[in-house]
């Protein structure tokens, strides 16, 4: 709801909408908590991955990066998680399996 208030020739607009200059931390289906947190090559502790939905450009980029099919998958997951493939190498295999399953859900459209 928006309302305009006029006082002495000045118009102020009041709105229920909130404008934020800092992005909110992702929650819900795109946040993947890790059972086994890890430390990146840069020394950052990762306890959850904030995933964005993959785009075609991400698929193409991961294929251009070359390597084996596994290398391409790691590169793709790194892109959507905002990490590097080297960071992903430090992830526990159990969490990686969970990430693979989440990616499949995202790709099928069952998770927005």
N, C-alpha and C. Protein backbone atom coordinates (compact mmCIF):
# COMPACT_ATOMS: atom_id res chain seq x y z
N UNK A 1 0.84 -1.18 0.00
CA UNK A 1 0.00 0.00 0.00
C UNK A 1 0.89 1.24 0.00
N UNK A 2 0.57 2.21 -0.85
CA UNK A 2 1.34 3.44 -0.95
C UNK A 2 0.40 4.61 -0.72
N UNK A 3 0.85 5.59 0.05
CA UNK A 3 0.05 6.78 0.31
C UNK A 3 0.92 8.00 0.06
N UNK A 4 0.33 9.03 -0.53
CA UNK A 4 1.06 10.28 -0.75
C UNK A 4 0.52 11.31 0.22
N UNK A 5 1.41 11.99 0.91
CA UNK A 5 1.04 13.03 1.86
C UNK A 5 1.56 14.36 1.34
N UNK A 6 0.71 15.38 1.33
CA UNK A 6 1.14 16.69 0.85
C UNK A 6 1.07 17.68 2.00
N UNK A 7 2.20 18.34 2.26
CA UNK A 7 2.28 19.34 3.32
C UNK A 7 3.08 20.53 2.80
N UNK A 8 2.50 21.69 2.77
CA UNK A 8 3.18 22.93 2.34
C UNK A 8 3.84 22.77 0.97
N UNK A 9 3.16 22.16 0.04
CA UNK A 9 3.69 22.02 -1.29
C UNK A 9 4.70 20.90 -1.46
N UNK A 10 4.99 20.16 -0.39
CA UNK A 10 5.93 19.05 -0.46
C UNK A 10 5.16 17.76 -0.41
N UNK A 11 5.50 16.85 -1.29
CA UNK A 11 4.83 15.55 -1.31
C UNK A 11 5.78 14.49 -0.81
N UNK A 12 5.33 13.75 0.17
CA UNK A 12 6.11 12.63 0.70
C UNK A 12 5.35 11.36 0.37
N UNK A 13 6.05 10.33 0.03
CA UNK A 13 5.41 9.06 -0.31
C UNK A 13 5.72 8.06 0.78
N UNK A 14 4.67 7.47 1.30
CA UNK A 14 4.83 6.44 2.33
C UNK A 14 4.46 5.11 1.70
N UNK A 15 5.28 4.12 1.91
CA UNK A 15 5.06 2.82 1.30
C UNK A 15 5.31 1.73 2.32
N UNK A 16 4.59 0.61 2.16
CA UNK A 16 4.82 -0.55 3.01
C UNK A 16 6.06 -1.32 2.56
N UNK A 17 6.56 -1.04 1.37
CA UNK A 17 7.72 -1.75 0.84
C UNK A 17 8.97 -1.29 1.57
N UNK A 18 9.86 -2.22 1.80
CA UNK A 18 11.13 -1.92 2.44
C UNK A 18 12.23 -2.03 1.40
N UNK A 19 13.07 -1.03 1.34
CA UNK A 19 14.20 -1.06 0.41
C UNK A 19 15.45 -1.36 1.22
N UNK A 20 16.16 -2.36 0.80
CA UNK A 20 17.37 -2.76 1.50
C UNK A 20 18.55 -2.66 0.56
N UNK A 21 19.65 -2.11 1.06
CA UNK A 21 20.84 -1.99 0.23
C UNK A 21 21.77 -3.18 0.41
N UNK A 22 21.50 -4.02 1.41
CA UNK A 22 22.31 -5.22 1.61
C UNK A 22 21.44 -6.43 1.34
N UNK A 23 21.93 -7.36 0.53
CA UNK A 23 21.12 -8.53 0.22
C UNK A 23 20.92 -9.38 1.47
N UNK A 24 19.72 -9.92 1.57
CA UNK A 24 19.42 -10.80 2.70
C UNK A 24 20.13 -12.13 2.49
N UNK A 25 20.52 -12.75 3.57
CA UNK A 25 21.15 -14.07 3.49
C UNK A 25 20.13 -15.07 2.98
N UNK A 26 20.49 -15.88 1.99
CA UNK A 26 19.54 -16.85 1.46
C UNK A 26 19.10 -17.83 2.55
N UNK A 27 17.84 -18.15 2.51
CA UNK A 27 17.29 -19.15 3.41
C UNK A 27 16.41 -20.08 2.58
N UNK A 28 15.89 -21.07 3.20
CA UNK A 28 14.97 -21.96 2.51
C UNK A 28 15.70 -22.97 1.65
N UNK A 29 15.05 -23.35 0.55
CA UNK A 29 15.58 -24.46 -0.25
C UNK A 29 16.93 -24.19 -0.91
N UNK A 30 17.33 -22.94 -1.05
CA UNK A 30 18.61 -22.65 -1.70
C UNK A 30 19.77 -22.58 -0.72
N UNK A 31 19.50 -22.78 0.55
CA UNK A 31 20.57 -22.83 1.54
C UNK A 31 20.76 -24.29 1.92
N UNK A 32 21.98 -24.78 1.75
CA UNK A 32 22.28 -26.18 2.02
C UNK A 32 23.23 -26.26 3.22
N UNK A 33 22.69 -26.59 4.41
CA UNK A 33 23.56 -26.75 5.57
C UNK A 33 24.46 -27.97 5.38
N UNK A 34 25.69 -27.86 5.83
CA UNK A 34 26.64 -28.96 5.69
C UNK A 34 26.74 -29.74 7.00
N UNK A 35 26.80 -31.05 6.90
CA UNK A 35 27.00 -31.88 8.08
C UNK A 35 28.45 -31.80 8.55
N UNK A 36 29.34 -31.56 7.59
CA UNK A 36 30.77 -31.51 7.88
C UNK A 36 31.36 -30.22 7.31
N UNK A 37 31.29 -29.13 8.08
CA UNK A 37 31.85 -27.85 7.60
C UNK A 37 33.32 -28.01 7.17
N UNK A 38 33.74 -27.16 6.26
CA UNK A 38 35.12 -27.23 5.77
C UNK A 38 35.69 -25.83 5.67
N UNK A 39 37.00 -25.78 5.51
CA UNK A 39 37.71 -24.51 5.37
C UNK A 39 38.22 -24.40 3.94
N UNK A 40 37.96 -23.25 3.32
CA UNK A 40 38.41 -23.03 1.94
C UNK A 40 39.91 -22.81 1.92
N UNK A 41 40.46 -22.79 0.71
CA UNK A 41 41.89 -22.53 0.53
C UNK A 41 42.26 -21.16 1.09
N UNK A 42 41.30 -20.24 1.09
CA UNK A 42 41.55 -18.90 1.62
C UNK A 42 41.33 -18.77 3.12
N UNK A 43 41.03 -19.89 3.79
CA UNK A 43 40.87 -19.89 5.23
C UNK A 43 39.48 -19.55 5.74
N UNK A 44 38.48 -19.55 4.86
CA UNK A 44 37.10 -19.24 5.26
C UNK A 44 36.38 -20.53 5.64
N UNK A 45 35.75 -20.52 6.82
CA UNK A 45 34.98 -21.68 7.30
C UNK A 45 33.62 -21.68 6.61
N UNK A 46 33.27 -22.79 5.97
CA UNK A 46 31.99 -22.93 5.27
C UNK A 46 31.15 -23.96 6.02
N UNK A 47 29.99 -23.51 6.53
CA UNK A 47 29.10 -24.43 7.24
C UNK A 47 27.79 -24.63 6.50
N UNK A 48 27.56 -23.84 5.46
CA UNK A 48 26.38 -23.97 4.61
C UNK A 48 26.70 -23.37 3.25
N UNK A 49 26.07 -23.90 2.23
CA UNK A 49 26.23 -23.35 0.88
C UNK A 49 24.98 -22.57 0.53
N UNK A 50 25.17 -21.38 0.02
CA UNK A 50 24.07 -20.56 -0.47
C UNK A 50 24.06 -20.70 -1.99
N UNK A 51 23.13 -21.51 -2.46
CA UNK A 51 23.09 -21.86 -3.88
C UNK A 51 22.15 -20.93 -4.63
N UNK A 52 22.54 -20.60 -5.84
CA UNK A 52 21.63 -19.91 -6.75
C UNK A 52 21.24 -20.88 -7.85
N UNK A 53 20.12 -20.61 -8.47
CA UNK A 53 19.68 -21.50 -9.54
C UNK A 53 20.67 -21.42 -10.70
N UNK A 54 21.05 -22.57 -11.25
CA UNK A 54 22.00 -22.56 -12.36
C UNK A 54 21.36 -22.02 -13.64
N UNK A 55 22.17 -21.35 -14.41
CA UNK A 55 21.76 -20.82 -15.71
C UNK A 55 22.49 -21.61 -16.81
N UNK A 56 22.01 -21.48 -18.01
CA UNK A 56 22.66 -22.14 -19.15
C UNK A 56 24.11 -21.70 -19.25
N UNK A 57 24.36 -20.41 -18.99
CA UNK A 57 25.75 -19.91 -19.07
C UNK A 57 26.66 -20.64 -18.09
N UNK A 58 26.11 -21.06 -16.92
CA UNK A 58 26.91 -21.82 -15.96
C UNK A 58 27.26 -23.19 -16.52
N UNK A 59 26.29 -23.83 -17.17
CA UNK A 59 26.55 -25.14 -17.78
C UNK A 59 27.63 -25.02 -18.85
N UNK A 60 27.50 -23.98 -19.69
CA UNK A 60 28.49 -23.78 -20.75
C UNK A 60 29.87 -23.47 -20.19
N UNK A 61 29.91 -22.63 -19.15
CA UNK A 61 31.20 -22.27 -18.55
C UNK A 61 31.88 -23.49 -17.97
N UNK A 62 31.14 -24.32 -17.27
CA UNK A 62 31.75 -25.51 -16.65
C UNK A 62 32.27 -26.47 -17.72
N UNK A 63 31.59 -26.53 -18.87
CA UNK A 63 32.07 -27.38 -19.97
C UNK A 63 33.31 -26.80 -20.62
N UNK A 64 33.37 -25.46 -20.72
CA UNK A 64 34.54 -24.80 -21.31
C UNK A 64 35.77 -24.99 -20.43
N UNK A 65 35.55 -25.10 -19.12
CA UNK A 65 36.67 -25.29 -18.20
C UNK A 65 37.37 -26.62 -18.45
N UNK A 66 36.68 -27.53 -19.14
CA UNK A 66 37.29 -28.80 -19.55
C UNK A 66 37.46 -29.78 -18.41
N UNK A 67 38.34 -30.74 -18.64
CA UNK A 67 38.58 -31.78 -17.66
C UNK A 67 37.57 -32.92 -17.80
N UNK A 68 37.56 -33.75 -16.80
CA UNK A 68 36.65 -34.89 -16.80
C UNK A 68 35.23 -34.42 -16.50
N UNK A 69 34.29 -35.32 -16.64
CA UNK A 69 32.90 -34.99 -16.31
C UNK A 69 32.79 -34.59 -14.83
N UNK A 70 33.54 -35.27 -13.98
CA UNK A 70 33.56 -34.91 -12.55
C UNK A 70 34.11 -33.52 -12.32
N UNK A 71 35.17 -33.16 -13.05
CA UNK A 71 35.75 -31.82 -12.93
C UNK A 71 34.73 -30.76 -13.36
N UNK A 72 33.99 -31.06 -14.43
CA UNK A 72 32.99 -30.12 -14.93
C UNK A 72 31.85 -29.95 -13.92
N UNK A 73 31.47 -31.04 -13.27
CA UNK A 73 30.41 -30.96 -12.25
C UNK A 73 30.87 -30.12 -11.06
N UNK A 74 32.10 -30.35 -10.61
CA UNK A 74 32.64 -29.57 -9.49
C UNK A 74 32.69 -28.10 -9.88
N UNK A 75 33.11 -27.79 -11.10
CA UNK A 75 33.18 -26.40 -11.57
C UNK A 75 31.78 -25.77 -11.58
N UNK A 76 30.78 -26.52 -12.02
CA UNK A 76 29.40 -26.02 -12.05
C UNK A 76 28.90 -25.74 -10.64
N UNK A 77 29.10 -26.69 -9.73
CA UNK A 77 28.67 -26.50 -8.36
C UNK A 77 29.38 -25.32 -7.70
N UNK A 78 30.65 -25.14 -8.02
CA UNK A 78 31.39 -24.00 -7.49
C UNK A 78 30.77 -22.69 -7.98
N UNK A 79 30.40 -22.64 -9.25
CA UNK A 79 29.79 -21.44 -9.81
C UNK A 79 28.49 -21.08 -9.08
N UNK A 80 27.62 -22.06 -8.87
CA UNK A 80 26.32 -21.75 -8.26
C UNK A 80 26.42 -21.54 -6.75
N UNK A 81 27.54 -21.94 -6.16
CA UNK A 81 27.74 -21.74 -4.73
C UNK A 81 28.63 -20.53 -4.43
N UNK A 82 29.18 -19.91 -5.48
CA UNK A 82 30.04 -18.75 -5.27
C UNK A 82 31.40 -19.11 -4.70
N UNK A 83 31.87 -20.30 -5.01
CA UNK A 83 33.17 -20.77 -4.54
C UNK A 83 34.06 -21.09 -5.73
N UNK A 84 35.27 -21.54 -5.46
CA UNK A 84 36.16 -22.00 -6.53
C UNK A 84 36.16 -23.52 -6.53
N UNK A 85 36.54 -24.14 -7.64
CA UNK A 85 36.66 -25.60 -7.65
C UNK A 85 37.63 -26.10 -6.58
N UNK A 86 38.69 -25.33 -6.32
CA UNK A 86 39.65 -25.72 -5.28
C UNK A 86 38.99 -25.72 -3.90
N UNK A 87 38.08 -24.77 -3.67
CA UNK A 87 37.33 -24.75 -2.41
C UNK A 87 36.47 -26.00 -2.30
N UNK A 88 35.81 -26.35 -3.39
CA UNK A 88 34.91 -27.50 -3.42
C UNK A 88 35.66 -28.80 -3.12
N UNK A 89 36.94 -28.85 -3.50
CA UNK A 89 37.74 -30.04 -3.26
C UNK A 89 37.86 -30.37 -1.77
N UNK A 90 37.66 -29.38 -0.91
CA UNK A 90 37.77 -29.58 0.53
C UNK A 90 36.47 -30.07 1.17
N UNK A 91 35.39 -30.11 0.38
CA UNK A 91 34.09 -30.53 0.90
C UNK A 91 34.07 -32.03 1.19
N UNK A 92 33.41 -32.41 2.27
CA UNK A 92 33.26 -33.81 2.62
C UNK A 92 32.40 -34.51 1.56
N UNK A 93 32.73 -35.76 1.28
CA UNK A 93 32.03 -36.52 0.24
C UNK A 93 30.54 -36.69 0.56
N UNK A 94 30.19 -36.84 1.84
CA UNK A 94 28.77 -36.99 2.21
C UNK A 94 28.00 -35.71 1.87
N UNK A 95 28.58 -34.55 2.16
CA UNK A 95 27.93 -33.29 1.82
C UNK A 95 27.88 -33.10 0.31
N UNK A 96 28.89 -33.56 -0.40
CA UNK A 96 28.90 -33.45 -1.85
C UNK A 96 27.76 -34.28 -2.46
N UNK A 97 27.51 -35.45 -1.91
CA UNK A 97 26.41 -36.29 -2.38
C UNK A 97 25.08 -35.58 -2.16
N UNK A 98 24.94 -34.91 -1.02
CA UNK A 98 23.73 -34.14 -0.74
C UNK A 98 23.60 -32.98 -1.73
N UNK A 99 24.71 -32.34 -2.05
CA UNK A 99 24.72 -31.25 -3.04
C UNK A 99 24.29 -31.76 -4.41
N UNK A 100 24.76 -32.93 -4.80
CA UNK A 100 24.36 -33.51 -6.09
C UNK A 100 22.84 -33.72 -6.14
N UNK A 101 22.29 -34.24 -5.04
CA UNK A 101 20.85 -34.48 -4.99
C UNK A 101 20.08 -33.15 -5.05
N UNK A 102 20.57 -32.13 -4.34
CA UNK A 102 19.91 -30.82 -4.37
C UNK A 102 19.96 -30.23 -5.77
N UNK A 103 21.10 -30.38 -6.44
CA UNK A 103 21.21 -29.87 -7.81
C UNK A 103 20.19 -30.53 -8.72
N UNK A 104 20.02 -31.84 -8.58
CA UNK A 104 19.04 -32.55 -9.39
C UNK A 104 17.63 -32.01 -9.14
N UNK A 105 17.31 -31.70 -7.89
CA UNK A 105 16.00 -31.13 -7.56
C UNK A 105 15.85 -29.75 -8.19
N UNK A 106 16.91 -28.95 -8.15
CA UNK A 106 16.87 -27.62 -8.75
C UNK A 106 16.71 -27.72 -10.26
N UNK A 107 17.44 -28.64 -10.86
CA UNK A 107 17.40 -28.79 -12.31
C UNK A 107 16.04 -29.29 -12.80
N UNK A 108 15.39 -30.13 -12.00
CA UNK A 108 14.08 -30.65 -12.40
C UNK A 108 12.97 -29.63 -12.16
N UNK A 109 13.27 -28.57 -11.40
CA UNK A 109 12.27 -27.57 -11.11
C UNK A 109 11.46 -27.84 -9.87
N UNK A 110 11.77 -28.93 -9.15
CA UNK A 110 11.01 -29.22 -7.94
C UNK A 110 11.40 -28.32 -6.77
N UNK A 111 12.55 -27.64 -6.89
CA UNK A 111 12.97 -26.62 -5.93
C UNK A 111 13.23 -25.35 -6.71
N UNK A 112 12.62 -24.27 -6.27
CA UNK A 112 12.82 -23.01 -6.95
C UNK A 112 14.12 -22.42 -6.50
